[in-house]
Protein backbone atom coordinates (compact mmCIF):
# COMPACT_ATOMS: atom_id res chain seq x y z
CA MET A 1 14.68 26.89 32.75
CA GLU A 2 14.20 28.46 29.38
CA ILE A 3 13.10 26.12 26.53
CA ILE A 4 13.59 26.68 22.81
CA LEU A 5 11.86 24.73 20.06
CA ALA A 6 14.34 24.50 17.15
CA SER A 7 11.52 24.73 14.60
CA THR A 8 9.09 27.12 13.10
CA SER A 9 6.62 24.38 12.23
CA PRO A 10 3.16 25.58 13.14
CA ARG A 11 2.14 22.02 13.97
CA ARG A 12 5.03 21.40 16.37
CA LYS A 13 4.41 24.77 18.04
CA GLU A 14 0.73 23.90 18.40
CA LEU A 15 1.52 20.59 20.05
CA LEU A 16 4.02 22.00 22.48
CA GLU A 17 1.57 24.73 23.43
CA MET A 18 -0.84 21.98 24.54
CA CYS A 19 1.58 21.26 27.40
CA SER A 20 1.21 24.76 28.94
CA ILE A 21 5.00 25.13 28.83
CA ASN A 22 6.66 28.48 28.09
CA PHE A 23 9.00 28.31 25.13
CA LEU A 24 10.51 30.26 22.25
CA THR A 25 10.87 29.10 18.59
CA ILE A 26 13.98 29.59 16.58
CA ALA A 27 14.43 28.14 13.09
CA SER A 28 17.43 25.83 12.88
CA GLU A 29 19.50 26.02 9.78
CA ILE A 30 21.59 22.92 9.07
CA ASN A 31 22.59 21.11 5.91
CA GLU A 32 20.00 18.34 6.16
CA LYS A 33 20.96 16.81 2.81
CA GLU A 34 24.55 16.34 3.82
CA ILE A 35 23.54 14.52 7.04
CA GLU A 36 20.96 12.45 5.17
CA ASN A 37 23.54 11.35 2.54
CA GLU A 38 26.05 10.43 5.29
CA ILE A 39 23.52 8.34 7.20
CA ILE A 40 22.18 6.56 4.11
CA TYR A 41 25.56 5.70 2.64
CA SER A 42 27.29 4.72 5.86
CA ASN A 43 24.43 2.33 6.76
CA SER A 44 23.76 0.86 3.35
CA GLU A 45 23.36 -2.67 4.81
CA LYS A 46 20.51 -1.64 7.05
CA SER A 47 16.87 -1.71 6.27
CA MET A 48 15.05 1.43 5.13
CA PHE A 49 13.31 1.55 8.57
CA GLU A 50 16.61 1.34 10.45
CA LYS A 51 17.99 4.12 8.33
CA ALA A 52 14.96 6.30 9.02
CA ASP A 53 15.41 5.74 12.80
CA LEU A 54 19.01 6.84 12.58
CA LEU A 55 18.28 9.70 10.26
CA THR A 56 15.57 11.32 12.22
CA SER A 57 17.63 11.00 15.42
CA ALA A 58 20.66 12.58 13.77
CA LEU A 59 18.72 15.48 12.24
CA ALA A 60 16.85 16.14 15.47
CA PHE A 61 20.10 16.32 17.41
CA ASN A 62 21.87 18.52 14.82
CA LYS A 63 18.98 20.94 14.65
CA ALA A 64 18.93 21.37 18.41
CA ASN A 65 22.70 21.49 18.75
CA ALA A 66 22.94 24.28 16.18
CA ILE A 67 20.70 26.47 18.34
CA SER A 68 22.33 25.33 21.58
CA LYS A 69 25.67 26.81 20.45
CA GLU A 70 24.19 30.30 20.69
CA ASN A 71 21.98 29.65 23.68
CA PRO A 72 23.86 28.27 26.67
CA ASN A 73 22.11 26.79 29.69
CA LYS A 74 18.86 26.43 27.80
CA ILE A 75 17.02 23.24 26.80
CA ILE A 76 16.70 23.02 23.00
CA ILE A 77 14.21 20.70 21.43
CA GLY A 78 15.07 19.45 17.91
CA SER A 79 12.84 17.18 15.83
CA ASP A 80 12.55 15.65 12.43
CA THR A 81 9.91 13.55 10.68
CA VAL A 82 10.05 11.33 7.61
CA VAL A 83 7.67 8.94 5.90
CA VAL A 84 9.13 5.49 5.07
CA SER A 85 8.04 2.72 2.76
CA GLU A 86 10.09 -0.45 2.29
CA ASN A 87 11.91 1.10 -0.65
CA GLU A 88 12.15 4.85 0.02
CA ILE A 89 12.47 7.55 2.70
CA LEU A 90 10.15 10.43 1.85
CA GLY A 91 10.83 13.97 3.00
CA LYS A 92 9.07 17.08 1.83
CA PRO A 93 8.05 17.10 -1.87
CA ASN A 94 10.07 19.27 -4.27
CA ASN A 95 6.99 20.31 -6.33
CA HIS A 96 3.42 19.27 -7.10
CA GLU A 97 4.59 16.41 -9.39
CA ASP A 98 6.77 15.05 -6.62
CA ALA A 99 3.85 15.31 -4.12
CA TYR A 100 1.60 13.35 -6.49
CA ARG A 101 4.24 10.68 -6.94
CA MET A 102 4.68 10.29 -3.24
CA LEU A 103 0.94 10.07 -2.45
CA ARG A 104 0.23 7.74 -5.38
CA SER A 105 3.06 5.41 -4.25
CA LEU A 106 1.53 5.16 -0.76
CA CYS A 107 -1.87 4.14 -1.93
CA GLY A 108 -3.02 0.64 -0.91
CA SER A 109 -0.12 -0.08 1.36
CA LYS A 110 1.21 0.42 4.85
CA HIS A 111 4.12 2.78 5.60
CA ARG A 112 5.72 4.16 8.75
CA VAL A 113 6.10 7.73 9.94
CA TYR A 114 9.20 8.22 12.02
CA THR A 115 9.77 11.33 14.24
CA GLY A 116 13.09 11.79 16.01
CA VAL A 117 13.32 14.17 18.99
CA SER A 118 16.48 15.45 20.77
CA LEU A 119 16.75 17.53 23.97
CA VAL A 120 20.10 19.34 24.04
CA LYS A 121 21.65 21.59 26.64
CA ASN A 122 25.09 23.22 26.29
CA GLU A 123 25.75 21.20 23.11
CA THR A 124 25.21 17.89 24.93
CA ALA A 125 22.20 15.59 24.27
CA LEU A 126 20.18 15.10 27.41
CA GLU A 127 18.00 12.62 25.51
CA THR A 128 17.37 11.53 21.92
CA PHE A 129 14.59 9.19 20.97
CA THR A 130 12.48 8.13 17.96
CA SER A 131 8.84 7.13 17.67
CA TYR A 132 7.11 5.62 14.73
CA THR A 133 3.51 5.03 13.75
CA GLU A 134 2.26 2.64 11.04
CA VAL A 135 -0.16 4.21 8.59
CA GLU A 136 -2.22 2.49 5.99
CA PHE A 137 -3.71 4.36 2.91
CA PHE A 138 -6.86 3.27 1.10
CA ASP A 139 -6.41 1.47 -2.23
CA TYR A 140 -6.06 3.68 -5.25
CA ASP A 141 -9.34 4.42 -7.07
CA ASP A 142 -11.15 7.34 -8.60
CA ASN A 143 -12.00 8.75 -5.16
CA MET A 144 -8.37 8.66 -4.09
CA GLU A 145 -7.29 10.29 -7.36
CA LYS A 146 -9.72 13.21 -6.76
CA ILE A 147 -8.59 13.60 -3.08
CA ILE A 148 -4.88 13.59 -4.08
CA ARG A 149 -5.47 16.10 -6.92
CA ASP A 150 -7.58 18.41 -4.73
CA TYR A 151 -5.20 18.17 -1.86
CA ILE A 152 -2.19 19.07 -3.97
CA LYS A 153 -4.02 22.07 -5.41
CA SER A 154 -4.39 23.38 -1.85
CA ASP A 155 -0.51 23.40 -1.50
CA SER A 156 -0.94 21.94 1.97
CA PRO A 157 1.23 18.88 1.21
CA MET A 158 4.24 20.98 0.25
CA ASP A 159 5.72 21.46 3.70
CA LYS A 160 5.05 17.98 4.97
CA ALA A 161 7.08 14.77 4.98
CA GLY A 162 5.54 12.28 2.60
CA ALA A 163 3.33 15.04 1.19
CA TYR A 164 0.50 14.68 3.66
CA GLY A 165 -0.71 15.76 7.11
CA ILE A 166 -2.94 13.59 9.27
CA GLN A 167 -4.57 16.73 10.71
CA ASP A 168 -5.76 18.21 7.43
CA MET A 169 -7.28 16.93 4.21
CA GLY A 170 -4.57 14.25 4.12
CA ALA A 171 -6.67 12.42 6.66
CA LEU A 172 -9.07 11.42 3.81
CA LEU A 173 -6.30 9.22 2.38
CA ILE A 174 -5.90 7.21 5.61
CA LYS A 175 -7.62 3.88 6.19
CA ASN A 176 -5.94 3.04 9.53
CA ILE A 177 -3.16 3.94 11.86
CA SER A 178 -1.36 1.95 14.51
CA GLY A 179 0.65 4.01 17.07
CA ASP A 180 0.84 7.53 18.26
CA TYR A 181 -1.25 10.07 16.28
CA TYR A 182 1.00 12.99 17.24
CA THR A 183 4.10 11.29 15.88
CA VAL A 184 2.54 11.57 12.50
CA MET A 185 1.92 15.28 13.14
CA GLY A 186 5.63 15.68 13.91
CA LEU A 187 6.01 15.52 17.69
CA PRO A 188 5.30 12.55 20.04
CA ILE A 189 4.10 14.96 22.65
CA SER A 190 3.29 12.60 25.51
CA LYS A 191 6.82 11.24 25.62
CA LEU A 192 8.37 14.65 25.04
CA TYR A 193 6.35 16.24 27.80
CA ARG A 194 7.62 13.69 30.31
CA SER A 195 11.20 14.31 29.20
CA ILE A 196 10.85 18.04 29.50
CA ILE A 197 9.53 17.76 33.05
CA GLU A 198 12.39 15.40 33.97
CA TYR A 199 15.16 17.72 32.73
CA GLN A 200 13.60 20.96 33.80
CA ILE A 201 13.78 20.01 37.41
């Protein structure tokens, strides 16, 4: 059965290629901000972590479903990743200043990285799940300031939730992680692989 990854993220493509599975990639165009606002405001009583869980699941499904409408009888994989502190859900930065604000705010504390995944066929979710990993940054000091400044100059943070990637220079900011490494990269690949095998048969 044909599989489509509803993303043009080079990191997600690289991870799925690890599984030796044939697939196509198609960018999914949905109004993410509208979905985010709806989730946040309709769940105002929930914790930021609970909102992140709901948000990444909803965005993953909607991304996959948008592609499914034009691709019947195919398995579509949608995914979304956010970085979450106790007070804020961080998506991709708007500019260098926003990237600096995000990275500086994460220094010296633990946060969670949530990735939602949805497998959709014929506009019906076969499975939707979320995975999160706890990440701790080093305390802010002169070294962290230099790393952050140099990292932002490279423009690498600009297409990443929370303004960092665990697989590039962003790793220098990280003191410890607890959970799945690949969830931070944007695809909990072990869980996803098993789901693909189940629904392909």
